[in-house]
Amino acid sequence: MIEDLLPESVVAVEAFGEPRDADSALFPEERPLVARAVAKRRREFASVRVCARHAMEKLGVPPAPVLTGERGAPVWPEGLTGSMTHCDGYRAAALVRTGELASLGIDGETHAALPDGVLDAIALPGERERHRALAAARPEVHWDRLLFSAKESVYKAWFPLTRAWLDFAEADIELLPGADGAARGAFHARLLVPGPVVAGVRLAGFEGRWVIGQGLVLTAVPVPHS
């Protein structure tokens, strides 16, 4: 599913269901990072890295440990950039050579309504107004969860370029439905703080795509060099 949202230069690997023996796939360098984590967290951590290593192999890169850096961001082998995501029953990794994209963010969420109060906490007034209109027109889509996922993808694309935090209130996201009721579409994120400089140009926002299927909502934000 996630590959449909990404440029051809990106290699994506996803897995459905809950893994049982993913811990055995961890590299020695990775084990200390989740040594004190609960079993569910260890399975998520390990299984999404299995996806990442399969993506490395598809790119012709020897499988390598994926450690965590500042703010928990993944540390990729030299020459690669990418993103990972996991939720109940799903995990995915997307990788690309740094010559092809400046940055990349993906996110996967269960396609269900956000808990009470979360939308108000993450959404700007204009986003909430657009949410009401979308929910009235297309009630089968959980637009609140889609907005949350889009903001997560935007942050994952933003951070490698800035090494700075991006608050939910610092990007105004407009969700764009697909034509004829399709369960896919696009979104535009307008940055409300100075954007990163890519190829000598300061970005004012990001463009992304979304899809819904198999009980999931997936979003992706590839950032080209120009």
N, C-alpha and C. Protein backbone atom coordinates (compact mmCIF):
# COMPACT_ATOMS: atom_id res chain seq x y z
N MET A 1 0.81 -1.21 0.00
CA MET A 1 0.00 0.00 0.00
C MET A 1 0.85 1.27 0.00
N ILE A 2 1.89 1.27 0.84
CA ILE A 2 2.65 2.51 1.01
C ILE A 2 3.42 2.88 -0.25
N GLU A 3 3.83 1.88 -1.04
CA GLU A 3 4.59 2.18 -2.26
C GLU A 3 3.79 3.03 -3.23
N ASP A 4 2.45 2.88 -3.22
CA ASP A 4 1.62 3.65 -4.13
C ASP A 4 1.70 5.15 -3.87
N LEU A 5 2.16 5.53 -2.70
CA LEU A 5 2.22 6.95 -2.34
C LEU A 5 3.58 7.58 -2.61
N LEU A 6 4.55 6.77 -3.06
CA LEU A 6 5.93 7.22 -3.10
C LEU A 6 6.49 7.25 -4.52
N PRO A 7 7.50 8.07 -4.77
CA PRO A 7 8.16 8.07 -6.09
C PRO A 7 8.81 6.72 -6.36
N GLU A 8 9.07 6.45 -7.64
CA GLU A 8 9.64 5.17 -8.03
C GLU A 8 11.03 4.95 -7.45
N SER A 9 11.73 6.02 -7.11
CA SER A 9 13.08 5.88 -6.57
C SER A 9 13.08 5.33 -5.15
N VAL A 10 11.95 5.35 -4.49
CA VAL A 10 11.85 4.90 -3.10
C VAL A 10 11.54 3.41 -3.07
N VAL A 11 12.22 2.68 -2.20
CA VAL A 11 11.92 1.28 -1.95
C VAL A 11 11.19 1.19 -0.61
N ALA A 12 10.03 0.57 -0.62
CA ALA A 12 9.25 0.43 0.61
C ALA A 12 8.97 -1.05 0.86
N VAL A 13 9.04 -1.44 2.11
CA VAL A 13 8.72 -2.81 2.53
C VAL A 13 7.75 -2.70 3.71
N GLU A 14 6.65 -3.42 3.63
CA GLU A 14 5.66 -3.38 4.69
C GLU A 14 5.30 -4.79 5.12
N ALA A 15 4.79 -4.92 6.33
CA ALA A 15 4.40 -6.22 6.87
C ALA A 15 3.09 -6.05 7.62
N PHE A 16 2.22 -7.03 7.47
CA PHE A 16 0.92 -7.02 8.14
C PHE A 16 0.89 -8.12 9.19
N GLY A 17 0.06 -7.93 10.21
CA GLY A 17 -0.02 -8.91 11.28
C GLY A 17 0.96 -8.60 12.39
N GLU A 18 0.96 -9.44 13.41
CA GLU A 18 1.82 -9.24 14.56
C GLU A 18 2.96 -10.26 14.55
N PRO A 19 4.20 -9.81 14.46
CA PRO A 19 5.34 -10.74 14.43
C PRO A 19 5.54 -11.43 15.77
N ARG A 20 6.12 -12.62 15.74
CA ARG A 20 6.34 -13.37 16.97
C ARG A 20 7.81 -13.46 17.35
N ASP A 21 8.69 -13.58 16.38
CA ASP A 21 10.09 -13.81 16.70
C ASP A 21 11.00 -12.72 16.15
N ALA A 22 10.47 -11.50 16.03
CA ALA A 22 11.26 -10.43 15.44
C ALA A 22 12.48 -10.09 16.29
N ASP A 23 12.40 -10.33 17.61
CA ASP A 23 13.54 -10.00 18.48
C ASP A 23 14.83 -10.65 18.00
N SER A 24 14.71 -11.83 17.44
CA SER A 24 15.91 -12.55 17.01
C SER A 24 16.60 -11.87 15.84
N ALA A 25 15.91 -10.95 15.17
CA ALA A 25 16.49 -10.26 14.01
C ALA A 25 17.25 -9.00 14.39
N LEU A 26 17.25 -8.64 15.67
CA LEU A 26 17.94 -7.43 16.09
C LEU A 26 19.46 -7.61 16.01
N PHE A 27 20.14 -6.54 15.61
CA PHE A 27 21.59 -6.52 15.65
C PHE A 27 22.04 -6.28 17.10
N PRO A 28 23.24 -6.75 17.47
CA PRO A 28 23.71 -6.52 18.84
C PRO A 28 23.68 -5.06 19.25
N GLU A 29 23.97 -4.15 18.32
CA GLU A 29 23.98 -2.72 18.64
C GLU A 29 22.57 -2.20 18.95
N GLU A 30 21.55 -2.89 18.42
CA GLU A 30 20.18 -2.43 18.61
C GLU A 30 19.56 -2.91 19.92
N ARG A 31 20.02 -4.04 20.41
CA ARG A 31 19.38 -4.65 21.58
C ARG A 31 19.35 -3.75 22.81
N PRO A 32 20.44 -3.02 23.12
CA PRO A 32 20.37 -2.17 24.31
C PRO A 32 19.30 -1.08 24.23
N LEU A 33 18.90 -0.70 23.02
CA LEU A 33 17.93 0.39 22.86
C LEU A 33 16.55 0.01 23.37
N VAL A 34 16.25 -1.30 23.41
CA VAL A 34 14.93 -1.75 23.88
C VAL A 34 15.06 -2.78 24.99
N ALA A 35 16.21 -2.81 25.64
CA ALA A 35 16.45 -3.83 26.67
C ALA A 35 15.44 -3.73 27.81
N ARG A 36 14.99 -2.54 28.13
CA ARG A 36 14.04 -2.36 29.24
C ARG A 36 12.61 -2.13 28.76
N ALA A 37 12.37 -2.26 27.48
CA ALA A 37 11.03 -2.01 26.93
C ALA A 37 10.13 -3.22 27.15
N VAL A 38 8.82 -2.98 27.14
CA VAL A 38 7.86 -4.08 27.24
C VAL A 38 7.89 -4.89 25.95
N ALA A 39 7.33 -6.09 25.99
CA ALA A 39 7.43 -7.00 24.86
C ALA A 39 6.82 -6.41 23.58
N LYS A 40 5.69 -5.73 23.69
CA LYS A 40 5.05 -5.15 22.51
C LYS A 40 5.97 -4.12 21.85
N ARG A 41 6.58 -3.27 22.65
CA ARG A 41 7.49 -2.26 22.11
C ARG A 41 8.70 -2.92 21.43
N ARG A 42 9.23 -3.99 22.04
CA ARG A 42 10.38 -4.68 21.44
C ARG A 42 10.00 -5.29 20.09
N ARG A 43 8.79 -5.87 20.01
CA ARG A 43 8.36 -6.47 18.74
C ARG A 43 8.21 -5.40 17.66
N GLU A 44 7.62 -4.26 18.01
CA GLU A 44 7.47 -3.18 17.04
C GLU A 44 8.83 -2.67 16.57
N PHE A 45 9.71 -2.43 17.52
CA PHE A 45 11.04 -1.92 17.23
C PHE A 45 11.79 -2.88 16.30
N ALA A 46 11.72 -4.17 16.60
CA ALA A 46 12.47 -5.15 15.82
C ALA A 46 11.84 -5.39 14.46
N SER A 47 10.52 -5.53 14.40
CA SER A 47 9.88 -5.90 13.14
C SER A 47 9.96 -4.79 12.11
N VAL A 48 9.91 -3.52 12.54
CA VAL A 48 10.03 -2.45 11.57
C VAL A 48 11.46 -2.37 11.04
N ARG A 49 12.42 -2.78 11.85
CA ARG A 49 13.81 -2.83 11.37
C ARG A 49 14.05 -3.99 10.42
N VAL A 50 13.30 -5.06 10.58
CA VAL A 50 13.34 -6.13 9.58
C VAL A 50 12.90 -5.58 8.23
N CYS A 51 11.82 -4.79 8.21
CA CYS A 51 11.37 -4.16 6.97
C CYS A 51 12.46 -3.25 6.41
N ALA A 52 13.10 -2.48 7.28
CA ALA A 52 14.15 -1.56 6.82
C ALA A 52 15.31 -2.31 6.19
N ARG A 53 15.68 -3.44 6.77
CA ARG A 53 16.82 -4.19 6.22
C ARG A 53 16.46 -4.84 4.88
N HIS A 54 15.22 -5.27 4.74
CA HIS A 54 14.78 -5.77 3.43
C HIS A 54 14.84 -4.65 2.40
N ALA A 55 14.48 -3.44 2.80
CA ALA A 55 14.55 -2.30 1.88
C ALA A 55 16.01 -2.00 1.51
N MET A 56 16.91 -2.10 2.48
CA MET A 56 18.33 -1.91 2.17
C MET A 56 18.80 -2.91 1.12
N GLU A 57 18.42 -4.16 1.31
CA GLU A 57 18.82 -5.20 0.35
C GLU A 57 18.31 -4.88 -1.05
N LYS A 58 17.07 -4.39 -1.13
CA LYS A 58 16.51 -4.04 -2.44
C LYS A 58 17.27 -2.89 -3.10
N LEU A 59 17.88 -2.05 -2.27
CA LEU A 59 18.68 -0.94 -2.80
C LEU A 59 20.13 -1.34 -3.04
N GLY A 60 20.44 -2.59 -2.75
CA GLY A 60 21.81 -3.06 -2.95
C GLY A 60 22.76 -2.66 -1.84
N VAL A 61 22.20 -2.36 -0.67
CA VAL A 61 23.00 -1.95 0.48
C VAL A 61 23.04 -3.10 1.49
N PRO A 62 24.19 -3.46 2.03
CA PRO A 62 24.25 -4.54 3.02
C PRO A 62 23.37 -4.20 4.23
N PRO A 63 22.61 -5.15 4.75
CA PRO A 63 21.79 -4.89 5.93
C PRO A 63 22.64 -4.38 7.08
N ALA A 64 22.13 -3.36 7.75
CA ALA A 64 22.89 -2.70 8.82
C ALA A 64 21.96 -2.38 9.97
N PRO A 65 22.51 -2.19 11.17
CA PRO A 65 21.67 -1.78 12.29
C PRO A 65 21.08 -0.39 12.05
N VAL A 66 19.89 -0.20 12.58
CA VAL A 66 19.24 1.11 12.52
C VAL A 66 19.13 1.61 13.95
N LEU A 67 20.05 2.46 14.33
CA LEU A 67 20.07 2.99 15.69
C LEU A 67 19.17 4.23 15.76
N THR A 68 19.03 4.77 16.94
CA THR A 68 18.21 5.97 17.12
C THR A 68 19.09 7.13 17.50
N GLY A 69 18.81 8.27 16.89
CA GLY A 69 19.57 9.47 17.16
C GLY A 69 18.75 10.47 17.94
N GLU A 70 18.97 11.74 17.65
CA GLU A 70 18.28 12.81 18.35
C GLU A 70 16.78 12.69 18.19
N ARG A 71 16.05 12.83 19.31
CA ARG A 71 14.59 12.73 19.36
C ARG A 71 14.09 11.41 18.80
N GLY A 72 14.91 10.37 18.88
CA GLY A 72 14.48 9.04 18.47
C GLY A 72 14.46 8.82 16.97
N ALA A 73 14.97 9.78 16.20
CA ALA A 73 14.98 9.62 14.74
C ALA A 73 15.92 8.49 14.34
N PRO A 74 15.56 7.70 13.32
CA PRO A 74 16.44 6.61 12.88
C PRO A 74 17.72 7.14 12.26
N VAL A 75 18.81 6.43 12.50
CA VAL A 75 20.10 6.76 11.91
C VAL A 75 20.37 5.77 10.78
N TRP A 76 20.35 6.28 9.55
CA TRP A 76 20.45 5.42 8.37
C TRP A 76 21.91 5.26 7.93
N PRO A 77 22.20 4.17 7.22
CA PRO A 77 23.55 4.04 6.63
C PRO A 77 23.86 5.22 5.72
N GLU A 78 25.14 5.54 5.60
CA GLU A 78 25.54 6.67 4.77
C GLU A 78 25.02 6.52 3.35
N GLY A 79 24.49 7.61 2.82
CA GLY A 79 23.97 7.59 1.46
C GLY A 79 22.49 7.28 1.36
N LEU A 80 21.84 6.99 2.51
CA LEU A 80 20.41 6.67 2.50
C LEU A 80 19.66 7.63 3.41
N THR A 81 18.40 7.85 3.08
CA THR A 81 17.48 8.51 3.98
C THR A 81 16.17 7.75 3.91
N GLY A 82 15.32 7.94 4.89
CA GLY A 82 14.09 7.16 4.88
C GLY A 82 13.24 7.43 6.10
N SER A 83 12.27 6.54 6.29
CA SER A 83 11.31 6.71 7.38
C SER A 83 10.71 5.35 7.71
N MET A 84 10.27 5.20 8.95
CA MET A 84 9.63 3.97 9.40
C MET A 84 8.34 4.30 10.14
N THR A 85 7.44 3.34 10.18
CA THR A 85 6.20 3.52 10.93
C THR A 85 5.67 2.17 11.38
N HIS A 86 4.93 2.18 12.47
CA HIS A 86 4.26 0.95 12.91
C HIS A 86 3.02 1.32 13.71
N CYS A 87 2.02 0.48 13.61
CA CYS A 87 0.82 0.56 14.42
C CYS A 87 0.32 -0.87 14.58
N ASP A 88 -0.80 -1.06 15.26
CA ASP A 88 -1.29 -2.41 15.48
C ASP A 88 -1.51 -3.13 14.16
N GLY A 89 -0.79 -4.23 13.96
CA GLY A 89 -0.98 -5.06 12.78
C GLY A 89 -0.29 -4.57 11.54
N TYR A 90 0.55 -3.55 11.65
CA TYR A 90 1.20 -3.01 10.45
C TYR A 90 2.52 -2.38 10.82
N ARG A 91 3.53 -2.58 9.95
CA ARG A 91 4.78 -1.86 10.05
C ARG A 91 5.37 -1.70 8.66
N ALA A 92 6.10 -0.62 8.45
CA ALA A 92 6.65 -0.35 7.12
C ALA A 92 7.90 0.50 7.24
N ALA A 93 8.78 0.34 6.27
CA ALA A 93 9.97 1.16 6.14
C ALA A 93 10.11 1.57 4.69
N ALA A 94 10.50 2.82 4.46
CA ALA A 94 10.73 3.34 3.11
C ALA A 94 12.10 3.98 3.07
N LEU A 95 12.91 3.58 2.10
CA LEU A 95 14.28 4.07 1.98
C LEU A 95 14.55 4.56 0.57
N VAL A 96 15.46 5.52 0.46
CA VAL A 96 15.82 6.08 -0.83
C VAL A 96 17.25 6.60 -0.72
N ARG A 97 17.94 6.62 -1.83
CA ARG A 97 19.29 7.19 -1.84
C ARG A 97 19.18 8.71 -1.70
N THR A 98 20.13 9.30 -0.98
CA THR A 98 20.07 10.73 -0.71
C THR A 98 20.20 11.57 -1.98
N GLY A 99 20.73 11.00 -3.03
CA GLY A 99 20.78 11.74 -4.28
C GLY A 99 19.43 11.87 -4.95
N GLU A 100 18.47 11.03 -4.55
CA GLU A 100 17.15 11.03 -5.17
C GLU A 100 16.16 11.94 -4.45
N LEU A 101 16.21 11.95 -3.11
CA LEU A 101 15.31 12.79 -2.33
C LEU A 101 16.09 13.45 -1.21
N ALA A 102 15.62 14.64 -0.82
CA ALA A 102 16.25 15.34 0.30
C ALA A 102 15.80 14.76 1.64
N SER A 103 14.56 14.30 1.71
CA SER A 103 14.02 13.74 2.94
C SER A 103 12.74 12.98 2.61
N LEU A 104 12.25 12.24 3.60
CA LEU A 104 11.08 11.39 3.38
C LEU A 104 10.42 11.11 4.72
N GLY A 105 9.09 11.20 4.75
CA GLY A 105 8.34 10.84 5.95
C GLY A 105 7.16 9.97 5.61
N ILE A 106 6.95 8.90 6.37
CA ILE A 106 5.76 8.06 6.19
C ILE A 106 5.13 7.82 7.56
N ASP A 107 3.82 7.55 7.54
CA ASP A 107 3.13 7.21 8.79
C ASP A 107 1.96 6.30 8.49
N GLY A 108 1.72 5.35 9.40
CA GLY A 108 0.58 4.46 9.31
C GLY A 108 -0.19 4.47 10.61
N GLU A 109 -1.51 4.52 10.51
CA GLU A 109 -2.38 4.54 11.68
C GLU A 109 -3.58 3.64 11.44
N THR A 110 -4.14 3.12 12.51
CA THR A 110 -5.41 2.42 12.41
C THR A 110 -6.48 3.39 11.95
N HIS A 111 -7.30 2.98 10.99
CA HIS A 111 -8.33 3.87 10.47
C HIS A 111 -9.53 3.86 11.43
N ALA A 112 -9.45 4.71 12.43
CA ALA A 112 -10.50 4.84 13.43
C ALA A 112 -10.47 6.26 13.95
N ALA A 113 -11.56 6.68 14.58
CA ALA A 113 -11.63 8.03 15.11
C ALA A 113 -10.58 8.23 16.20
N LEU A 114 -10.06 9.44 16.28
CA LEU A 114 -9.15 9.78 17.37
C LEU A 114 -9.89 9.77 18.71
N PRO A 115 -9.20 9.49 19.80
CA PRO A 115 -9.84 9.61 21.11
C PRO A 115 -10.36 11.02 21.34
N ASP A 116 -11.36 11.13 22.19
CA ASP A 116 -11.95 12.44 22.50
C ASP A 116 -10.88 13.42 22.95
N GLY A 117 -10.95 14.62 22.41
CA GLY A 117 -10.06 15.69 22.81
C GLY A 117 -8.77 15.79 22.02
N VAL A 118 -8.40 14.73 21.29
CA VAL A 118 -7.12 14.75 20.59
C VAL A 118 -7.17 15.71 19.40
N LEU A 119 -8.26 15.71 18.66
CA LEU A 119 -8.35 16.61 17.51
C LEU A 119 -8.17 18.05 17.94
N ASP A 120 -8.82 18.45 19.02
CA ASP A 120 -8.68 19.83 19.50
C ASP A 120 -7.24 20.13 19.90
N ALA A 121 -6.51 19.11 20.35
CA ALA A 121 -5.14 19.31 20.80
C ALA A 121 -4.16 19.44 19.63
N ILE A 122 -4.46 18.83 18.49
CA ILE A 122 -3.49 18.81 17.39
C ILE A 122 -3.86 19.74 16.25
N ALA A 123 -5.12 20.17 16.18
CA ALA A 123 -5.59 20.87 14.98
C ALA A 123 -5.71 22.37 15.22
N LEU A 124 -5.34 23.13 14.21
CA LEU A 124 -5.55 24.56 14.19
C LEU A 124 -7.01 24.88 13.91
N PRO A 125 -7.49 26.09 14.22
CA PRO A 125 -8.90 26.42 13.95
C PRO A 125 -9.30 26.18 12.51
N GLY A 126 -8.46 26.57 11.55
CA GLY A 126 -8.80 26.34 10.15
C GLY A 126 -8.85 24.86 9.80
N GLU A 127 -7.99 24.06 10.40
CA GLU A 127 -8.01 22.62 10.16
C GLU A 127 -9.28 22.00 10.72
N ARG A 128 -9.72 22.46 11.88
CA ARG A 128 -10.95 21.93 12.47
C ARG A 128 -12.16 22.30 11.61
N GLU A 129 -12.14 23.51 11.06
CA GLU A 129 -13.25 23.93 10.19
C GLU A 129 -13.29 23.07 8.93
N ARG A 130 -12.14 22.81 8.33
CA ARG A 130 -12.10 21.96 7.14
C ARG A 130 -12.49 20.53 7.50
N HIS A 131 -12.12 20.09 8.69
CA HIS A 131 -12.48 18.75 9.13
C HIS A 131 -13.99 18.58 9.18
N ARG A 132 -14.68 19.57 9.72
CA ARG A 132 -16.14 19.48 9.80
C ARG A 132 -16.76 19.36 8.42
N ALA A 133 -16.25 20.11 7.46
CA ALA A 133 -16.80 20.05 6.10
C ALA A 133 -16.51 18.70 5.45
N LEU A 134 -15.30 18.18 5.63
CA LEU A 134 -14.96 16.89 5.04
C LEU A 134 -15.77 15.76 5.67
N ALA A 135 -15.93 15.82 7.00
CA ALA A 135 -16.68 14.77 7.70
C ALA A 135 -18.15 14.76 7.27
N ALA A 136 -18.69 15.94 6.98
CA ALA A 136 -20.07 15.99 6.52
C ALA A 136 -20.21 15.44 5.11
N ALA A 137 -19.23 15.69 4.26
CA ALA A 137 -19.30 15.24 2.87
C ALA A 137 -18.92 13.77 2.71
N ARG A 138 -17.94 13.30 3.49
CA ARG A 138 -17.44 11.93 3.37
C ARG A 138 -17.33 11.31 4.76
N PRO A 139 -18.47 10.95 5.38
CA PRO A 139 -18.43 10.46 6.77
C PRO A 139 -17.76 9.11 6.92
N GLU A 140 -17.54 8.39 5.82
CA GLU A 140 -16.90 7.07 5.94
C GLU A 140 -15.40 7.17 6.20
N VAL A 141 -14.83 8.36 6.03
CA VAL A 141 -13.41 8.57 6.26
C VAL A 141 -13.22 9.22 7.63
N HIS A 142 -12.29 8.69 8.41
CA HIS A 142 -11.95 9.30 9.69
C HIS A 142 -10.92 10.39 9.42
N TRP A 143 -11.41 11.57 9.08
CA TRP A 143 -10.53 12.67 8.68
C TRP A 143 -9.65 13.15 9.82
N ASP A 144 -10.13 12.99 11.05
CA ASP A 144 -9.30 13.40 12.18
C ASP A 144 -8.04 12.53 12.28
N ARG A 145 -8.21 11.22 12.10
CA ARG A 145 -7.05 10.33 12.13
C ARG A 145 -6.13 10.60 10.93
N LEU A 146 -6.73 10.89 9.79
CA LEU A 146 -5.93 11.20 8.60
C LEU A 146 -5.11 12.47 8.83
N LEU A 147 -5.71 13.47 9.45
CA LEU A 147 -4.97 14.71 9.75
C LEU A 147 -3.81 14.41 10.70
N PHE A 148 -4.06 13.61 11.71
CA PHE A 148 -2.99 13.25 12.65
C PHE A 148 -1.85 12.55 11.92
N SER A 149 -2.18 11.61 11.05
CA SER A 149 -1.15 10.87 10.31
C SER A 149 -0.37 11.80 9.39
N ALA A 150 -1.06 12.71 8.72
CA ALA A 150 -0.38 13.65 7.84
C ALA A 150 0.60 14.52 8.63
N LYS A 151 0.21 14.95 9.82
CA LYS A 151 1.12 15.75 10.64
C LYS A 151 2.34 14.94 11.07
N GLU A 152 2.14 13.66 11.35
CA GLU A 152 3.26 12.80 11.70
C GLU A 152 4.23 12.66 10.52
N SER A 153 3.71 12.45 9.32
CA SER A 153 4.57 12.33 8.14
C SER A 153 5.31 13.63 7.86
N VAL A 154 4.64 14.74 8.05
CA VAL A 154 5.29 16.04 7.85
C VAL A 154 6.45 16.20 8.83
N TYR A 155 6.23 15.85 10.09
CA TYR A 155 7.31 15.98 11.07
C TYR A 155 8.49 15.08 10.71
N LYS A 156 8.21 13.85 10.27
CA LYS A 156 9.29 12.93 9.93
C LYS A 156 10.08 13.41 8.72
N ALA A 157 9.43 14.12 7.81
CA ALA A 157 10.14 14.70 6.67
C ALA A 157 10.91 15.95 7.07
N TRP A 158 10.35 16.71 8.00
CA TRP A 158 10.94 17.97 8.46
C TRP A 158 12.21 17.75 9.27
N PHE A 159 12.18 16.79 10.21
CA PHE A 159 13.24 16.69 11.20
C PHE A 159 14.63 16.44 10.61
N PRO A 160 14.80 15.52 9.65
CA PRO A 160 16.16 15.31 9.12
C PRO A 160 16.74 16.56 8.44
N LEU A 161 15.88 17.47 8.00
CA LEU A 161 16.34 18.67 7.33
C LEU A 161 16.67 19.81 8.30
N THR A 162 16.14 19.75 9.52
CA THR A 162 16.25 20.86 10.45
C THR A 162 16.87 20.48 11.79
N ARG A 163 16.72 19.21 12.18
CA ARG A 163 17.12 18.75 13.52
C ARG A 163 16.43 19.59 14.59
N ALA A 164 15.20 20.01 14.31
CA ALA A 164 14.44 20.84 15.25
C ALA A 164 13.03 20.27 15.40
N TRP A 165 12.42 20.56 16.53
CA TRP A 165 11.05 20.15 16.79
C TRP A 165 10.08 20.93 15.91
N LEU A 166 9.00 20.29 15.49
CA LEU A 166 7.92 20.97 14.78
C LEU A 166 6.63 20.64 15.51
N ASP A 167 6.03 21.63 16.10
CA ASP A 167 4.81 21.43 16.87
C ASP A 167 3.62 21.21 15.94
N PHE A 168 2.59 20.52 16.44
CA PHE A 168 1.38 20.31 15.65
C PHE A 168 0.81 21.64 15.13
N ALA A 169 0.97 22.71 15.91
CA ALA A 169 0.40 24.01 15.55
C ALA A 169 1.28 24.79 14.59
N GLU A 170 2.42 24.22 14.17
CA GLU A 170 3.34 24.96 13.32
C GLU A 170 3.26 24.55 11.85
N ALA A 171 2.28 23.72 11.51
CA ALA A 171 2.03 23.37 10.11
C ALA A 171 0.52 23.27 9.91
N ASP A 172 0.02 23.99 8.95
CA ASP A 172 -1.42 24.00 8.62
C ASP A 172 -1.63 23.07 7.44
N ILE A 173 -2.36 21.97 7.69
CA ILE A 173 -2.49 20.93 6.68
C ILE A 173 -3.89 20.94 6.07
N GLU A 174 -3.91 21.00 4.76
CA GLU A 174 -5.18 20.91 4.02
C GLU A 174 -5.25 19.54 3.36
N LEU A 175 -6.24 18.75 3.76
CA LEU A 175 -6.46 17.42 3.19
C LEU A 175 -7.28 17.55 1.92
N LEU A 176 -6.82 16.91 0.86
CA LEU A 176 -7.49 17.00 -0.44
C LEU A 176 -8.03 15.64 -0.81
N PRO A 177 -9.36 15.47 -0.84
CA PRO A 177 -9.95 14.17 -1.18
C PRO A 177 -9.68 13.80 -2.62
N GLY A 178 -9.64 12.50 -2.89
CA GLY A 178 -9.54 12.01 -4.25
C GLY A 178 -10.86 12.19 -4.99
N ALA A 179 -10.80 12.08 -6.29
CA ALA A 179 -12.00 12.25 -7.11
C ALA A 179 -12.92 11.03 -6.98
N ASP A 180 -14.21 11.27 -7.16
CA ASP A 180 -15.21 10.21 -7.23
C ASP A 180 -15.21 9.32 -6.00
N GLY A 181 -14.98 9.89 -4.83
CA GLY A 181 -15.06 9.12 -3.61
C GLY A 181 -13.95 8.13 -3.40
N ALA A 182 -12.83 8.26 -4.10
CA ALA A 182 -11.72 7.32 -3.96
C ALA A 182 -11.14 7.42 -2.55
N ALA A 183 -10.66 6.29 -2.05
CA ALA A 183 -10.08 6.24 -0.71
C ALA A 183 -8.60 6.61 -0.75
N ARG A 184 -8.30 7.66 -1.46
CA ARG A 184 -6.94 8.17 -1.57
C ARG A 184 -7.00 9.63 -1.99
N GLY A 185 -5.94 10.33 -1.75
CA GLY A 185 -5.91 11.74 -2.12
C GLY A 185 -4.56 12.34 -1.81
N ALA A 186 -4.53 13.64 -1.62
CA ALA A 186 -3.27 14.36 -1.39
C ALA A 186 -3.46 15.31 -0.22
N PHE A 187 -2.40 15.96 0.18
CA PHE A 187 -2.51 17.02 1.18
C PHE A 187 -1.36 18.00 1.01
N HIS A 188 -1.61 19.22 1.45
CA HIS A 188 -0.60 20.27 1.42
C HIS A 188 -0.37 20.75 2.84
N ALA A 189 0.88 20.83 3.24
CA ALA A 189 1.24 21.33 4.57
C ALA A 189 1.93 22.68 4.42
N ARG A 190 1.30 23.72 4.92
CA ARG A 190 1.88 25.06 4.90
C ARG A 190 2.60 25.30 6.22
N LEU A 191 3.89 25.52 6.15
CA LEU A 191 4.67 25.75 7.35
C LEU A 191 4.41 27.14 7.91
N LEU A 192 4.20 27.22 9.22
CA LEU A 192 3.94 28.50 9.88
C LEU A 192 5.17 29.03 10.60
N VAL A 193 6.28 28.33 10.42
CA VAL A 193 7.59 28.76 10.92
C VAL A 193 8.55 28.68 9.74
N PRO A 194 9.72 29.33 9.83
CA PRO A 194 10.65 29.26 8.69
C PRO A 194 10.99 27.81 8.35
N GLY A 195 10.87 27.49 7.07
CA GLY A 195 11.10 26.13 6.63
C GLY A 195 12.56 25.83 6.39
N PRO A 196 12.87 24.55 6.17
CA PRO A 196 14.26 24.18 5.89
C PRO A 196 14.71 24.69 4.52
N VAL A 197 16.00 24.83 4.36
CA VAL A 197 16.58 25.24 3.08
C VAL A 197 17.02 23.98 2.35
N VAL A 198 16.46 23.76 1.16
CA VAL A 198 16.80 22.61 0.32
C VAL A 198 17.27 23.13 -1.02
N ALA A 199 18.48 22.75 -1.42
CA ALA A 199 19.07 23.20 -2.69
C ALA A 199 19.03 24.72 -2.81
N GLY A 200 19.29 25.40 -1.69
CA GLY A 200 19.37 26.86 -1.71
C GLY A 200 18.03 27.57 -1.64
N VAL A 201 16.94 26.82 -1.51
CA VAL A 201 15.60 27.41 -1.47
C VAL A 201 14.95 27.10 -0.13
N ARG A 202 14.41 28.12 0.54
CA ARG A 202 13.70 27.89 1.80
C ARG A 202 12.28 27.40 1.50
N LEU A 203 11.96 26.24 2.01
CA LEU A 203 10.65 25.65 1.73
C LEU A 203 9.56 26.32 2.55
N ALA A 204 8.42 26.55 1.91
CA ALA A 204 7.26 27.12 2.59
C ALA A 204 6.28 26.03 3.03
N GLY A 205 6.49 24.81 2.52
CA GLY A 205 5.57 23.74 2.87
C GLY A 205 6.00 22.43 2.25
N PHE A 206 5.17 21.41 2.46
CA PHE A 206 5.41 20.07 1.94
C PHE A 206 4.15 19.58 1.22
N GLU A 207 4.35 18.69 0.26
CA GLU A 207 3.25 18.04 -0.42
C GLU A 207 3.25 16.56 -0.06
N GLY A 208 2.06 16.01 0.21
CA GLY A 208 1.96 14.61 0.59
C GLY A 208 0.78 13.92 -0.07
N ARG A 209 0.72 12.61 0.14
CA ARG A 209 -0.37 11.81 -0.40
C ARG A 209 -0.88 10.87 0.69
N TRP A 210 -2.12 10.42 0.55
CA TRP A 210 -2.70 9.51 1.53
C TRP A 210 -3.52 8.42 0.85
N VAL A 211 -3.69 7.32 1.56
CA VAL A 211 -4.52 6.22 1.09
C VAL A 211 -5.13 5.53 2.30
N ILE A 212 -6.32 4.98 2.12
CA ILE A 212 -7.01 4.22 3.17
C ILE A 212 -7.33 2.84 2.62
N GLY A 213 -7.04 1.81 3.38
CA GLY A 213 -7.35 0.44 2.98
C GLY A 213 -6.92 -0.54 4.04
N GLN A 214 -7.55 -1.69 4.07
CA GLN A 214 -7.23 -2.76 5.01
C GLN A 214 -7.25 -2.27 6.46
N GLY A 215 -8.17 -1.36 6.74
CA GLY A 215 -8.30 -0.86 8.11
C GLY A 215 -7.23 0.11 8.53
N LEU A 216 -6.48 0.66 7.56
CA LEU A 216 -5.37 1.55 7.85
C LEU A 216 -5.51 2.86 7.10
N VAL A 217 -4.88 3.89 7.64
CA VAL A 217 -4.67 5.13 6.89
C VAL A 217 -3.17 5.33 6.82
N LEU A 218 -2.66 5.55 5.61
CA LEU A 218 -1.23 5.72 5.37
C LEU A 218 -0.99 7.07 4.71
N THR A 219 0.07 7.74 5.13
CA THR A 219 0.43 9.02 4.54
C THR A 219 1.92 9.03 4.24
N ALA A 220 2.31 9.84 3.26
CA ALA A 220 3.71 9.93 2.88
C ALA A 220 4.03 11.33 2.39
N VAL A 221 5.24 11.81 2.73
CA VAL A 221 5.73 13.12 2.31
C VAL A 221 7.14 12.96 1.77
N PRO A 222 7.30 12.84 0.45
CA PRO A 222 8.65 12.87 -0.13
C PRO A 222 9.08 14.31 -0.39
N VAL A 223 10.32 14.62 -0.08
CA VAL A 223 10.83 15.99 -0.28
C VAL A 223 11.90 15.96 -1.35
N PRO A 224 11.61 16.46 -2.55
CA PRO A 224 12.61 16.46 -3.62
C PRO A 224 13.69 17.50 -3.37
N HIS A 225 14.77 17.39 -4.12
CA HIS A 225 15.87 18.34 -3.99
C HIS A 225 15.55 19.67 -4.65
N SER A 226 14.60 19.70 -5.52
CA SER A 226 14.26 20.96 -6.18
C SER A 226 12.76 20.97 -6.46
